[in-house]
PDB file of N, CA and C in Angstrom:
ATOM      1  N   MET A   1      98.035  88.692  78.996  1.00  0.00           N
ATOM      2  CA  MET A   1      98.119  88.944  80.410  1.00  0.00           C
ATOM      3  C   MET A   1      96.767  89.491  80.853  1.00  0.00           C
ATOM      4  N   GLY A   2      96.304  88.982  81.965  1.00  0.00           N
ATOM      5  CA  GLY A   2      95.072  89.476  82.565  1.00  0.00           C
ATOM      6  C   GLY A   2      95.352  90.032  83.940  1.00  0.00           C
ATOM      7  N   LYS A   3      94.614  91.057  84.288  1.00  0.00           N
ATOM      8  CA  LYS A   3      94.769  91.619  85.630  1.00  0.00           C
ATOM      9  C   LYS A   3      93.394  91.772  86.253  1.00  0.00           C
ATOM     10  N   HIS A   4      93.355  91.631  87.535  1.00  0.00           N
ATOM     11  CA  HIS A   4      92.120  91.776  88.294  1.00  0.00           C
ATOM     12  C   HIS A   4      92.095  93.161  88.931  1.00  0.00           C
ATOM     13  N   ASN A   5      90.978  93.494  89.519  1.00  0.00           N
ATOM     14  CA  ASN A   5      90.893  94.783  90.209  1.00  0.00           C
ATOM     15  C   ASN A   5      91.727  94.761  91.492  1.00  0.00           C
ATOM     16  N   ILE A   6      92.025  95.928  91.992  1.00  0.00           N
ATOM     17  CA  ILE A   6      92.793  96.060  93.233  1.00  0.00           C
ATOM     18  C   ILE A   6      91.808  96.044  94.394  1.00  0.00           C
ATOM     19  N   VAL A   7      92.041  95.125  95.337  1.00  0.00           N
ATOM     20  CA  VAL A   7      91.186  95.020  96.523  1.00  0.00           C
ATOM     21  C   VAL A   7      92.070  95.010  97.765  1.00  0.00           C
ATOM     22  N   GLU A   8      91.514  95.420  98.871  1.00  0.00           N
ATOM     23  CA  GLU A   8      92.257  95.414 100.131  1.00  0.00           C
ATOM     24  C   GLU A   8      92.114  94.047 100.785  1.00  0.00           C
ATOM     25  N   ARG A   9      93.249  93.470 101.177  1.00  0.00           N
ATOM     26  CA  ARG A   9      93.267  92.144 101.793  1.00  0.00           C
ATOM     27  C   ARG A   9      94.224  92.154 102.981  1.00  0.00           C
ATOM     28  N   PRO A  10      93.965  91.275 103.966  1.00  0.00           N
ATOM     29  CA  PRO A  10      94.914  91.157 105.079  1.00  0.00           C
ATOM     30  C   PRO A  10      96.183  90.437 104.610  1.00  0.00           C
ATOM     31  N   ILE A  11      97.329  91.023 104.913  1.00  0.00           N
ATOM     32  CA  ILE A  11      98.627  90.483 104.514  1.00  0.00           C
ATOM     33  C   ILE A  11      99.518  90.410 105.750  1.00  0.00           C
ATOM     34  N   ALA A  12     100.221  89.287 105.917  1.00  0.00           N
ATOM     35  CA  ALA A  12     101.185  89.165 107.015  1.00  0.00           C
ATOM     36  C   ALA A  12     102.497  89.807 106.584  1.00  0.00           C
ATOM     37  N   LYS A  13     102.996  90.759 107.393  1.00  0.00           N
ATOM     38  CA  LYS A  13     104.257  91.428 107.093  1.00  0.00           C
ATOM     39  C   LYS A  13     104.992  91.686 108.400  1.00  0.00           C
ATOM     40  N   ASP A  14     106.197  91.154 108.503  1.00  0.00           N
ATOM     41  CA  ASP A  14     107.026  91.319 109.700  1.00  0.00           C
ATOM     42  C   ASP A  14     106.300  90.858 110.963  1.00  0.00           C
ATOM     43  N   GLY A  15     105.567  89.757 110.874  1.00  0.00           N
ATOM     44  CA  GLY A  15     104.877  89.210 112.034  1.00  0.00           C
ATOM     45  C   GLY A  15     103.591  89.922 112.401  1.00  0.00           C
ATOM     46  N   GLU A  16     103.183  90.893 111.619  1.00  0.00           N
ATOM     47  CA  GLU A  16     101.950  91.647 111.863  1.00  0.00           C
ATOM     48  C   GLU A  16     101.011  91.472 110.673  1.00  0.00           C
ATOM     49  N   VAL A  17      99.721  91.618 110.925  1.00  0.00           N
ATOM     50  CA  VAL A  17      98.734  91.566 109.848  1.00  0.00           C
ATOM     51  C   VAL A  17      98.365  92.995 109.475  1.00  0.00           C
ATOM     52  N   GLU A  18      98.517  93.315 108.190  1.00  0.00           N
ATOM     53  CA  GLU A  18      98.183  94.644 107.681  1.00  0.00           C
ATOM     54  C   GLU A  18      97.148  94.502 106.572  1.00  0.00           C
ATOM     55  N   ILE A  19      96.326  95.507 106.409  1.00  0.00           N
ATOM     56  CA  ILE A  19      95.411  95.555 105.279  1.00  0.00           C
ATOM     57  C   ILE A  19      96.144  96.285 104.162  1.00  0.00           C
ATOM     58  N   ARG A  20      96.359  95.593 103.031  1.00  0.00           N
ATOM     59  CA  ARG A  20      97.133  96.151 101.926  1.00  0.00           C
ATOM     60  C   ARG A  20      96.375  95.979 100.615  1.00  0.00           C
ATOM     61  N   PRO A  21      96.610  96.863  99.644  1.00  0.00           N
ATOM     62  CA  PRO A  21      96.000  96.674  98.330  1.00  0.00           C
ATOM     63  C   PRO A  21      96.688  95.516  97.593  1.00  0.00           C
ATOM     64  N   VAL A  22      95.887  94.654  96.970  1.00  0.00           N
ATOM     65  CA  VAL A  22      96.404  93.485  96.259  1.00  0.00           C
ATOM     66  C   VAL A  22      95.741  93.411  94.886  1.00  0.00           C
ATOM     67  N   MET A  23      96.548  93.117  93.857  1.00  0.00           N
ATOM     68  CA  MET A  23      96.023  92.902  92.510  1.00  0.00           C
ATOM     69  C   MET A  23      96.617  91.601  91.982  1.00  0.00           C
ATOM     70  N   TYR A  24      95.780  90.739  91.452  1.00  0.00           N
ATOM     71  CA  TYR A  24      96.246  89.483  90.877  1.00  0.00           C
ATOM     72  C   TYR A  24      96.535  89.669  89.397  1.00  0.00           C
ATOM     73  N   LEU A  25      97.631  89.075  88.921  1.00  0.00           N
ATOM     74  CA  LEU A  25      97.995  89.065  87.513  1.00  0.00           C
ATOM     75  C   LEU A  25      98.014  87.624  87.037  1.00  0.00           C
ATOM     76  N   ALA A  26      97.618  87.409  85.790  1.00  0.00           N
ATOM     77  CA  ALA A  26      97.638  86.065  85.217  1.00  0.00           C
ATOM     78  C   ALA A  26      98.224  86.130  83.811  1.00  0.00           C
ATOM     79  N   LEU A  27      98.999  85.121  83.460  1.00  0.00           N
ATOM     80  CA  LEU A  27      99.563  85.013  82.121  1.00  0.00           C
ATOM     81  C   LEU A  27      99.103  83.713  81.482  1.00  0.00           C
ATOM     82  N   SER A  28      98.868  83.780  80.197  1.00  0.00           N
ATOM     83  CA  SER A  28      98.546  82.584  79.427  1.00  0.00           C
ATOM     84  C   SER A  28      99.595  82.461  78.326  1.00  0.00           C
ATOM     85  N   TYR A  29     100.155  81.268  78.161  1.00  0.00           N
ATOM     86  CA  TYR A  29     101.199  81.087  77.159  1.00  0.00           C
ATOM     87  C   TYR A  29     101.268  79.622  76.763  1.00  0.00           C
ATOM     88  N   ASP A  30     101.962  79.348  75.678  1.00  0.00           N
ATOM     89  CA  ASP A  30     102.116  77.997  75.156  1.00  0.00           C
ATOM     90  C   ASP A  30     103.404  77.397  75.720  1.00  0.00           C
ATOM     91  N   HIS A  31     103.266  76.378  76.553  1.00  0.00           N
ATOM     92  CA  HIS A  31     104.431  75.739  77.181  1.00  0.00           C
ATOM     93  C   HIS A  31     105.349  75.079  76.156  1.00  0.00           C
ATOM     94  N   ARG A  32     104.836  74.796  74.981  1.00  0.00           N
ATOM     95  CA  ARG A  32     105.687  74.179  73.957  1.00  0.00           C
ATOM     96  C   ARG A  32     106.685  75.181  73.394  1.00  0.00           C
ATOM     97  N   ILE A  33     106.382  76.471  73.518  1.00  0.00           N
ATOM     98  CA  ILE A  33     107.224  77.508  72.929  1.00  0.00           C
ATOM     99  C   ILE A  33     108.005  78.278  73.993  1.00  0.00           C
ATOM    100  N   ILE A  34     107.366  78.551  75.120  1.00  0.00           N
ATOM    101  CA  ILE A  34     107.968  79.392  76.160  1.00  0.00           C
ATOM    102  C   ILE A  34     108.131  78.585  77.444  1.00  0.00           C
ATOM    103  N   ASP A  35     109.312  78.662  78.034  1.00  0.00           N
ATOM    104  CA  ASP A  35     109.589  77.982  79.297  1.00  0.00           C
ATOM    105  C   ASP A  35     108.905  78.742  80.438  1.00  0.00           C
ATOM    106  N   GLY A  36     108.211  78.015  81.304  1.00  0.00           N
ATOM    107  CA  GLY A  36     107.507  78.632  82.421  1.00  0.00           C
ATOM    108  C   GLY A  36     108.424  79.421  83.339  1.00  0.00           C
ATOM    109  N   LYS A  37     109.670  78.984  83.484  1.00  0.00           N
ATOM    110  CA  LYS A  37     110.628  79.691  84.342  1.00  0.00           C
ATOM    111  C   LYS A  37     110.861  81.117  83.835  1.00  0.00           C
ATOM    112  N   ASP A  38     110.944  81.273  82.510  1.00  0.00           N
ATOM    113  CA  ASP A  38     111.140  82.608  81.936  1.00  0.00           C
ATOM    114  C   ASP A  38     109.935  83.501  82.199  1.00  0.00           C
ATOM    115  N   LEU A  39     108.733  82.926  82.119  1.00  0.00           N
ATOM    116  CA  LEU A  39     107.527  83.720  82.364  1.00  0.00           C
ATOM    117  C   LEU A  39     107.408  84.117  83.823  1.00  0.00           C
ATOM    118  N   VAL A  40     107.829  83.260  84.733  1.00  0.00           N
ATOM    119  CA  VAL A  40     107.806  83.605  86.157  1.00  0.00           C
ATOM    120  C   VAL A  40     108.755  84.776  86.410  1.00  0.00           C
ATOM    121  N   SER A  41     109.918  84.765  85.786  1.00  0.00           N
ATOM    122  CA  SER A  41     110.865  85.882  85.929  1.00  0.00           C
ATOM    123  C   SER A  41     110.260  87.172  85.386  1.00  0.00           C
ATOM    124  N   PHE A  42     109.576  87.082  84.239  1.00  0.00           N
ATOM    125  CA  PHE A  42     108.918  88.246  83.645  1.00  0.00           C
ATOM    126  C   PHE A  42     107.819  88.771  84.560  1.00  0.00           C
ATOM    127  N   LEU A  43     107.012  87.876  85.109  1.00  0.00           N
ATOM    128  CA  LEU A  43     105.925  88.284  85.997  1.00  0.00           C
ATOM    129  C   LEU A  43     106.478  88.922  87.273  1.00  0.00           C
ATOM    130  N   LYS A  44     107.589  88.411  87.784  1.00  0.00           N
ATOM    131  CA  LYS A  44     108.222  89.008  88.967  1.00  0.00           C
ATOM    132  C   LYS A  44     108.722  90.417  88.655  1.00  0.00           C
ATOM    133  N   LEU A  45     109.279  90.619  87.462  1.00  0.00           N
ATOM    134  CA  LEU A  45     109.730  91.952  87.052  1.00  0.00           C
ATOM    135  C   LEU A  45     108.553  92.928  87.003  1.00  0.00           C
ATOM    136  N   ILE A  46     107.433  92.492  86.452  1.00  0.00           N
ATOM    137  CA  ILE A  46     106.233  93.334  86.414  1.00  0.00           C
ATOM    138  C   ILE A  46     105.782  93.659  87.830  1.00  0.00           C
ATOM    139  N   LYS A  47     105.735  92.654  88.691  1.00  0.00           N
ATOM    140  CA  LYS A  47     105.315  92.845  90.085  1.00  0.00           C
ATOM    141  C   LYS A  47     106.210  93.859  90.791  1.00  0.00           C
ATOM    142  N   ASP A  48     107.520  93.697  90.653  1.00  0.00           N
ATOM    143  CA  ASP A  48     108.463  94.606  91.312  1.00  0.00           C
ATOM    144  C   ASP A  48     108.281  96.045  90.829  1.00  0.00           C
ATOM    145  N   ASN A  49     108.063  96.220  89.537  1.00  0.00           N
ATOM    146  CA  ASN A  49     107.887  97.572  88.994  1.00  0.00           C
ATOM    147  C   ASN A  49     106.550  98.181  89.386  1.00  0.00           C
ATOM    148  N   LEU A  50     105.511  97.373  89.507  1.00  0.00           N
ATOM    149  CA  LEU A  50     104.224  97.896  89.961  1.00  0.00           C
ATOM    150  C   LEU A  50     104.276  98.287  91.433  1.00  0.00           C
ATOM    151  N   GLU A  51     105.016  97.513  92.231  1.00  0.00           N
ATOM    152  CA  GLU A  51     105.119  97.811  93.658  1.00  0.00           C
ATOM    153  C   GLU A  51     105.992  99.035  93.927  1.00  0.00           C
ATOM    154  N   ASP A  52     106.966  99.302  93.065  1.00  0.00           N
ATOM    155  CA  ASP A  52     107.846 100.465  93.236  1.00  0.00           C
ATOM    156  C   ASP A  52     108.097 101.100  91.870  1.00  0.00           C
ATOM    157  N   PRO A  53     107.164 101.937  91.389  1.00  0.00           N
ATOM    158  CA  PRO A  53     107.289 102.518  90.047  1.00  0.00           C
ATOM    159  C   PRO A  53     108.512 103.417  89.865  1.00  0.00           C
ATOM    160  N   ARG A  54     109.141 103.830  90.954  1.00  0.00           N
ATOM    161  CA  ARG A  54     110.367 104.639  90.820  1.00  0.00           C
ATOM    162  C   ARG A  54     111.424 103.888  90.029  1.00  0.00           C
ATOM    163  N   LYS A  55     111.408 102.555  90.104  1.00  0.00           N
ATOM    164  CA  LYS A  55     112.380 101.746  89.366  1.00  0.00           C
ATOM    165  C   LYS A  55     112.279 101.992  87.864  1.00  0.00           C
ATOM    166  N   LEU A  56     111.079 102.264  87.388  1.00  0.00           N
ATOM    167  CA  LEU A  56     110.888 102.502  85.961  1.00  0.00           C
ATOM    168  C   LEU A  56     111.490 103.831  85.522  1.00  0.00           C
ATOM    169  N   PHE A  57     111.378 104.835  86.370  1.00  0.00           N
ATOM    170  CA  PHE A  57     111.775 106.180  85.983  1.00  0.00           C
ATOM    171  C   PHE A  57     113.173 106.569  86.442  1.00  0.00           C
ATOM    172  N   LEU A  58     113.615 106.008  87.540  1.00  0.00           N
ATOM    173  CA  LEU A  58     114.908 106.395  88.100  1.00  0.00           C
ATOM    174  C   LEU A  58     115.985 105.351  87.878  1.00  0.00           C
ATOM    175  N   ASP A  59     115.623 104.241  87.209  1.00  0.00           N
ATOM    176  CA  ASP A  59     116.573 103.171  86.902  1.00  0.00           C
ATOM    177  C   ASP A  59     117.282 102.669  88.155  1.00  0.00           C
ATOM    178  N   LEU A  60     116.493 102.385  89.213  1.00  0.00           N
ATOM    179  CA  LEU A  60     117.052 101.894  90.482  1.00  0.00           C
ATOM    180  C   LEU A  60     117.333 100.414  90.420  1.00  0.00           C
TER     181      LEU A  60
END
């Protein structure tokens, strides 16, 4: 897994443009062994926990 630095970017949210911190994540894997759908689910779990770390500690 690779991660980039956090940079501020314009993001559309609720019809408004906000400047928000954004970090890109990348995964490399062998498609012959691992299904891409499973990796997308894993990456979404990482994203959700990074966006709301309380989930890690409070089991929300």
